[in-house]
Protein backbone atom coordinates (compact mmCIF):
# COMPACT_ATOMS: atom_id res chain seq x y z
CA MET A 1 38.09 -53.24 156.87
CA VAL A 2 40.91 -51.43 158.69
CA GLY A 3 41.43 -54.48 160.92
CA ARG A 4 41.76 -56.72 157.86
CA ILE A 5 44.42 -54.45 156.30
CA ILE A 6 46.42 -54.42 159.55
CA ARG A 7 46.12 -58.21 159.80
CA GLU A 8 47.35 -58.67 156.21
CA LYS A 9 50.38 -56.46 156.89
CA MET A 10 51.26 -58.41 160.04
CA LEU A 11 51.05 -61.72 158.15
CA ALA A 12 53.19 -60.35 155.34
CA ARG A 13 56.07 -59.94 157.81
CA PHE A 14 56.24 -63.70 158.28
CA GLY A 15 56.59 -64.57 154.60
CA GLU A 16 54.86 -64.94 151.25
CA LYS A 17 51.23 -66.03 151.00
CA SER A 18 52.11 -69.38 149.39
CA LEU A 19 54.38 -70.24 152.31
CA LEU A 20 51.89 -69.00 154.91
CA SER A 21 49.10 -71.10 153.37
CA ARG A 22 51.21 -74.23 154.01
CA LEU A 23 52.15 -73.14 157.51
CA MET A 24 48.54 -72.10 158.38
CA PRO A 25 46.21 -74.47 156.51
CA ASP A 26 43.24 -73.32 158.64
CA TYR A 27 43.56 -69.67 157.61
CA SER A 28 40.79 -68.42 155.27
CA ASN A 29 40.94 -65.33 153.07
CA VAL A 30 37.23 -65.46 152.16
CA ARG A 31 35.54 -65.92 155.53
CA PRO A 32 36.69 -62.66 157.19
CA ILE A 33 35.44 -60.77 154.11
CA LEU A 34 32.09 -62.62 154.25
CA LYS A 35 31.74 -61.87 157.98
CA LEU A 36 32.53 -58.19 157.33
CA ILE A 37 29.91 -58.00 154.55
CA LEU A 38 27.23 -59.59 156.77
CA TRP A 39 28.10 -57.21 159.63
CA ASN A 40 27.90 -54.11 157.41
CA ILE A 41 24.58 -55.18 155.85
CA ALA A 42 23.16 -55.84 159.34
CA MET A 43 24.22 -52.36 160.48
CA ILE A 44 22.59 -50.74 157.43
CA ILE A 45 19.33 -52.64 158.03
CA LEU A 46 19.41 -51.69 161.73
CA THR A 47 19.74 -48.03 160.72
CA ILE A 48 16.69 -48.41 158.45
CA ALA A 49 14.78 -50.05 161.32
CA MET A 50 15.61 -47.08 163.60
CA ALA A 51 14.06 -44.76 161.00
CA ASN A 52 10.77 -46.70 161.49
CA PRO A 53 9.65 -47.01 157.84
CA GLN A 54 5.86 -46.94 157.44
CA ILE A 55 3.38 -47.67 154.71
CA GLY A 56 -0.31 -46.84 154.44
CA THR A 57 -0.48 -43.32 153.06
CA LYS A 58 -3.10 -44.19 150.45
CA LEU A 59 -6.57 -42.66 150.55
CA VAL A 60 -9.21 -45.35 150.88
CA LYS A 61 -12.77 -44.79 149.69
CA ALA A 62 -15.37 -46.24 152.01
CA LYS A 63 -19.16 -46.35 151.95
CA GLN A 64 -20.76 -44.67 154.96
CA LYS A 65 -24.31 -44.01 156.05
CA GLY A 66 -25.26 -40.90 157.94
CA ILE A 67 -26.45 -37.32 157.88
CA ASP A 68 -24.71 -33.97 157.51
CA MET A 69 -24.78 -31.63 160.50
CA MET A 70 -23.28 -28.25 161.32
CA ILE A 71 -22.72 -27.28 164.94
CA CYS A 72 -22.92 -23.52 165.49
CA LEU A 73 -21.26 -22.54 168.76
CA ASP A 74 -21.54 -19.13 170.41
CA VAL A 75 -18.11 -17.80 171.42
CA SER A 76 -19.15 -14.33 172.58
CA ASN A 77 -17.85 -13.10 175.95
CA SER A 78 -21.20 -13.89 177.60
CA MET A 79 -20.30 -17.58 177.15
CA LEU A 80 -17.65 -17.13 179.86
CA ALA A 81 -20.41 -16.70 182.45
CA GLU A 82 -20.17 -19.28 185.22
CA ASP A 83 -23.84 -20.02 185.88
CA VAL A 84 -23.00 -23.35 184.18
CA LYS A 85 -19.78 -24.86 185.53
CA PRO A 86 -16.94 -24.44 184.78
CA ASN A 87 -18.41 -21.87 182.37
CA ARG A 88 -20.90 -21.90 179.51
CA LEU A 89 -18.31 -22.30 176.74
CA GLU A 90 -16.21 -25.06 178.34
CA ASN A 91 -19.37 -26.95 179.24
CA ALA A 92 -20.56 -26.71 175.62
CA LYS A 93 -17.17 -27.83 174.23
CA LEU A 94 -17.17 -30.87 176.51
CA ALA A 95 -20.65 -31.82 175.32
CA ILE A 96 -19.66 -31.44 171.64
CA ARG A 97 -16.66 -33.72 172.18
CA LYS A 98 -19.02 -36.30 173.70
CA LEU A 99 -21.28 -35.96 170.66
CA VAL A 100 -18.38 -36.50 168.23
CA GLU A 101 -17.43 -39.68 170.10
CA GLN A 102 -20.90 -41.10 169.36
CA LEU A 103 -20.92 -40.32 165.63
CA GLN A 104 -20.74 -43.24 163.21
CA GLY A 105 -20.78 -42.34 159.54
CA ASP A 106 -22.26 -38.87 160.02
CA ARG A 107 -20.40 -35.84 158.69
CA ILE A 108 -19.87 -32.85 160.93
CA GLY A 109 -18.81 -29.22 160.58
CA ILE A 110 -18.31 -26.44 163.11
CA ILE A 111 -19.16 -22.73 162.89
CA VAL A 112 -18.18 -20.31 165.65
CA PHE A 113 -19.97 -16.99 166.00
CA ALA A 114 -20.15 -13.86 168.11
CA GLY A 115 -20.70 -10.52 166.34
CA LYS A 116 -19.78 -12.39 163.13
CA ALA A 117 -19.80 -16.05 162.09
CA TYR A 118 -16.85 -18.06 160.76
CA ILE A 119 -16.42 -21.64 159.62
CA GLN A 120 -14.07 -23.27 162.11
CA LEU A 121 -14.23 -26.73 160.48
CA PRO A 122 -15.70 -27.50 157.02
CA ILE A 123 -17.99 -30.50 156.93
CA THR A 124 -15.99 -33.70 157.29
CA SER A 125 -16.04 -37.29 158.55
CA ASP A 126 -12.60 -36.85 160.13
CA TYR A 127 -13.60 -36.95 163.80
CA ALA A 128 -9.99 -36.63 165.01
CA ALA A 129 -9.72 -33.29 163.20
CA ALA A 130 -13.06 -32.23 164.68
CA GLU A 131 -11.85 -32.91 168.23
CA MET A 132 -8.65 -30.94 167.57
CA PHE A 133 -10.62 -27.91 166.36
CA ILE A 134 -13.04 -28.14 169.29
CA ASN A 135 -10.12 -28.01 171.74
CA ASN A 136 -8.86 -24.78 170.13
CA ILE A 137 -12.17 -22.89 170.39
CA ASN A 138 -12.13 -19.84 172.70
CA THR A 139 -13.73 -16.40 172.97
CA ARG A 140 -10.66 -14.74 171.38
CA LEU A 141 -11.39 -16.29 167.98
CA ILE A 142 -13.80 -13.47 167.09
CA PRO A 143 -13.05 -9.97 168.39
CA THR A 144 -16.42 -8.55 167.27
CA GLN A 145 -18.93 -8.97 170.09
CA GLY A 146 -22.60 -9.84 169.69
CA THR A 147 -24.61 -12.97 168.89
CA ALA A 148 -25.06 -13.25 165.11
CA LEU A 149 -27.50 -16.16 165.07
CA ALA A 150 -28.91 -15.23 161.65
CA GLN A 151 -25.48 -15.18 160.01
CA ALA A 152 -24.52 -18.47 161.68
CA ILE A 153 -27.68 -20.18 160.36
CA SER A 154 -27.13 -18.74 156.86
CA MET A 155 -23.52 -19.93 156.80
CA ALA A 156 -24.49 -23.39 158.08
CA LYS A 157 -27.21 -23.66 155.41
CA ALA A 158 -24.66 -22.81 152.69
CA SER A 159 -22.29 -25.47 154.08
CA LEU A 160 -24.98 -28.15 153.87
CA GLN A 161 -25.48 -28.00 150.11
CA SER A 162 -25.03 -31.72 149.41
CA GLU A 163 -27.08 -34.67 148.16
CA THR A 164 -27.54 -35.94 151.72
CA ARG A 165 -31.21 -36.59 152.45
CA SER A 166 -31.10 -35.43 156.07
CA LYS A 167 -29.31 -32.31 157.28
CA ALA A 168 -29.29 -30.61 160.64
CA ILE A 169 -28.05 -27.46 162.32
CA ILE A 170 -27.34 -27.50 166.05
CA LEU A 171 -27.21 -24.06 167.67
CA ILE A 172 -25.52 -23.83 171.08
CA THR A 173 -25.86 -20.34 172.55
CA ASP A 174 -27.29 -18.23 175.36
CA GLY A 175 -29.34 -16.50 172.64
CA GLU A 176 -28.66 -13.01 174.00
CA ASP A 177 -28.26 -9.89 171.85
CA HIS A 178 -29.11 -11.67 168.59
CA GLU A 179 -28.51 -9.70 165.40
CA GLY A 180 -30.29 -9.97 162.04
CA ASP A 181 -33.57 -11.64 161.13
CA VAL A 182 -33.06 -15.02 162.80
CA LEU A 183 -36.52 -16.44 162.03
CA THR A 184 -36.28 -15.56 158.31
CA GLU A 185 -33.01 -17.53 158.05
CA ALA A 186 -34.58 -20.41 159.98
CA GLU A 187 -37.52 -20.46 157.50
CA LYS A 188 -35.10 -20.57 154.55
CA ALA A 189 -33.24 -23.49 156.09
CA ALA A 190 -36.47 -25.38 156.81
CA ALA A 191 -37.61 -24.82 153.20
CA GLU A 192 -34.46 -26.69 152.08
CA GLY A 193 -35.17 -29.60 154.42
CA ILE A 194 -32.64 -28.59 157.06
CA ARG A 195 -33.80 -29.08 160.64
CA ILE A 196 -32.60 -26.68 163.33
CA TYR A 197 -32.07 -27.82 166.91
CA THR A 198 -31.28 -25.24 169.56
CA ILE A 199 -29.59 -25.68 172.91
CA GLY A 200 -29.91 -22.84 175.38
CA ILE A 201 -26.91 -22.70 177.67
CA GLY A 202 -27.06 -20.61 180.82
CA THR A 203 -29.85 -19.67 183.24
CA PRO A 204 -32.71 -17.13 183.02
CA GLU A 205 -31.47 -15.64 186.29
CA GLY A 206 -28.15 -14.92 184.61
CA SER A 207 -24.59 -14.37 185.77
CA PRO A 208 -21.88 -11.65 185.50
CA ILE A 209 -19.51 -11.77 182.51
CA PRO A 210 -15.94 -12.36 183.72
CA ILE A 211 -12.99 -10.39 182.36
CA VAL A 212 -10.24 -12.93 181.75
CA ASN A 213 -6.56 -12.14 181.14
CA GLU A 214 -4.18 -14.07 178.86
CA LYS A 215 -3.34 -16.48 181.69
CA GLY A 216 -7.02 -17.41 182.03
CA GLU A 217 -7.39 -15.61 185.35
CA ILE A 218 -10.54 -13.62 186.17
CA THR A 219 -9.55 -10.01 186.84
CA GLY A 220 -13.05 -8.58 187.25
CA TYR A 221 -16.52 -8.43 185.69
CA LYS A 222 -17.87 -6.41 182.77
CA LYS A 223 -19.72 -3.21 183.69
CA ASP A 224 -21.96 -0.85 181.73
CA ALA A 225 -21.40 2.89 181.18
CA GLN A 226 -22.95 3.62 184.57
CA GLY A 227 -20.56 1.26 186.34
CA ASN A 228 -23.14 -1.44 187.00
CA THR A 229 -22.15 -5.10 186.62
CA ILE A 230 -23.62 -6.56 183.42
CA ILE A 231 -25.72 -9.69 183.91
CA THR A 232 -26.04 -12.07 180.96
CA ARG A 233 -29.28 -14.09 180.84
CA LEU A 234 -30.48 -17.00 178.75
CA ASP A 235 -32.96 -15.88 176.06
CA GLU A 236 -35.15 -18.99 175.80
CA ILE A 237 -37.99 -17.35 173.86
CA THR A 238 -35.83 -16.63 170.80
CA LEU A 239 -34.30 -20.09 170.79
CA GLN A 240 -37.72 -21.76 171.11
CA LYS A 241 -38.99 -19.77 168.12
CA VAL A 242 -35.91 -20.67 166.02
CA ALA A 243 -36.29 -24.38 166.80
CA SER A 244 -40.04 -24.31 166.06
CA THR A 245 -39.50 -22.50 162.74
CA GLY A 246 -36.66 -24.88 161.84
CA GLN A 247 -38.87 -27.96 162.58
CA GLY A 248 -36.53 -29.05 165.33
CA ILE A 249 -36.62 -28.95 169.11
CA TYR A 250 -35.30 -26.63 171.82
CA ILE A 251 -33.60 -27.93 174.94
CA ARG A 252 -32.42 -25.91 177.89
CA ALA A 253 -29.00 -27.24 178.84
CA GLN A 254 -29.22 -27.58 182.58
CA ASN A 255 -27.03 -30.55 181.79
CA THR A 256 -25.42 -29.90 178.38
CA ASN A 257 -24.39 -33.55 178.07
CA GLN A 258 -27.96 -34.77 178.42
CA ALA A 259 -29.24 -32.05 176.11
CA LEU A 260 -26.92 -33.10 173.27
CA ARG A 261 -27.74 -36.76 173.89
CA LYS A 262 -31.45 -36.03 173.48
CA ILE A 263 -30.85 -34.09 170.27
CA PHE A 264 -28.58 -36.89 169.01
CA GLU A 265 -31.44 -39.33 169.59
CA GLU A 266 -33.73 -37.07 167.54
CA ILE A 267 -31.13 -36.78 164.76
CA ASN A 268 -30.71 -40.58 164.67
CA LYS A 269 -34.38 -40.88 163.72
CA LEU A 270 -33.72 -38.98 160.50
CA GLU A 271 -33.19 -40.85 157.24
CA LYS A 272 -29.55 -41.59 156.61
CA THR A 273 -27.82 -41.32 153.25
CA GLU A 274 -25.12 -43.64 151.91
CA PHE A 275 -22.18 -41.73 150.50
CA ASP A 276 -18.53 -42.20 149.58
CA THR A 277 -15.95 -40.75 151.86
CA GLN A 278 -12.17 -40.66 151.60
CA LEU A 279 -10.24 -41.93 154.58
CA PHE A 280 -6.52 -42.30 155.22
CA SER A 281 -5.57 -45.93 155.65
CA GLU A 282 -3.75 -46.67 158.85
CA TYR A 283 0.05 -46.61 158.89
CA GLU A 284 1.82 -49.94 159.38
CA SER A 285 5.31 -49.87 160.87
CA TRP A 286 7.82 -52.16 159.17
CA TYR A 287 10.68 -51.79 161.66
CA PRO A 288 10.08 -55.28 163.25
CA TYR A 289 10.76 -56.94 159.88
CA PHE A 290 14.02 -55.04 159.46
CA LEU A 291 15.02 -55.92 163.04
CA TRP A 292 14.49 -59.61 162.34
CA ILE A 293 16.56 -59.48 159.15
CA ALA A 294 19.38 -57.68 160.96
CA PHE A 295 19.19 -60.20 163.82
CA VAL A 296 19.46 -63.18 161.42
CA LEU A 297 22.46 -61.61 159.64
CA LEU A 298 24.25 -60.95 162.94
CA VAL A 299 23.64 -64.54 164.07
CA LEU A 300 25.02 -65.82 160.75
CA GLU A 301 28.06 -63.56 161.13
CA MET A 302 28.74 -65.02 164.59
CA LEU A 303 28.22 -68.63 163.45
CA ILE A 304 30.67 -68.38 160.55
CA PRO A 305 34.16 -69.13 161.91
CA ALA A 306 37.12 -67.09 160.72
CA ARG A 307 39.11 -70.30 160.07
CA LYS A 308 38.39 -73.09 157.62
CA SER A 309 36.35 -75.99 158.94
CA HIS A 310 37.55 -79.59 158.67
CA TRP A 311 35.21 -80.44 155.81
CA ALA A 312 36.28 -77.33 153.87
CA LYS A 313 39.95 -78.34 154.11
CA ARG A 314 39.17 -81.57 152.23
CA ILE A 315 37.94 -79.60 149.20
CA ASN A 316 40.70 -79.28 146.62
CA LEU A 317 39.28 -77.85 143.44
CA PHE A 318 42.63 -77.45 141.61
CA GLY A 319 44.59 -80.42 142.92
CA GLN A 320 48.14 -80.44 144.27
């Protein structure tokens, strides 16, 4: 626009427009304006393309078939024991991630427990969210120490109050220092048609409980009042009783991956329910379309000459 004003001023020095039009028959007043308009529109569209506009924010309802399951994971300090590499907790988290990758249509929730139980992830079919929450699980989530199996089962049972025909609770723990009446809660769950599967993680021989600083470095091992190193051992008897009462199975996780795979096979035998679920539709980026439009406009701007063409000079709408 500034260039056009300067050009008009320079031409005005040579004479009036009527005289200049006779002296320069090829000069066009319209074409530079048209070229400028095309250029500006192309720049605006390019700016929009750089913003990467997207569509697809609608919630889509889809029919899915599956079961509802709650995974209850022990996050007490004893889960830092290294009798299962790299430690009990990290091994369990890796196995849960593998389980989530295999799910198709099933809904999943996560409860973490130590001295108390908390819902880490309400039941959902959003597997990406589940993986994110699994990654954030650590022993610092619950400061109260212990292994509140009874509370974890009770909380999982309350979370599974849906019309789904098949429901399951998967307990992953070393089973040590359990609090509350675990078998009573297992009986209540079984009475409501909820199966309980238990995975014992650790070894009967046991291992010391590491003391870990904020950097994740082991600074020592927990000791009792007498100064003796505390050894945490897998309590298989309790976990076997819980699984038997809950009409499920118990597996000792010498290989946590294989243990969860076996339980997943058992769960797949259960009757699946068809239910509606809300899913976010995928985003579609529209920037390529804007780039093409801008490209076409820029090509047009370059193809339009600033001077009149020979055929345009022959047009005389108003005569001489």
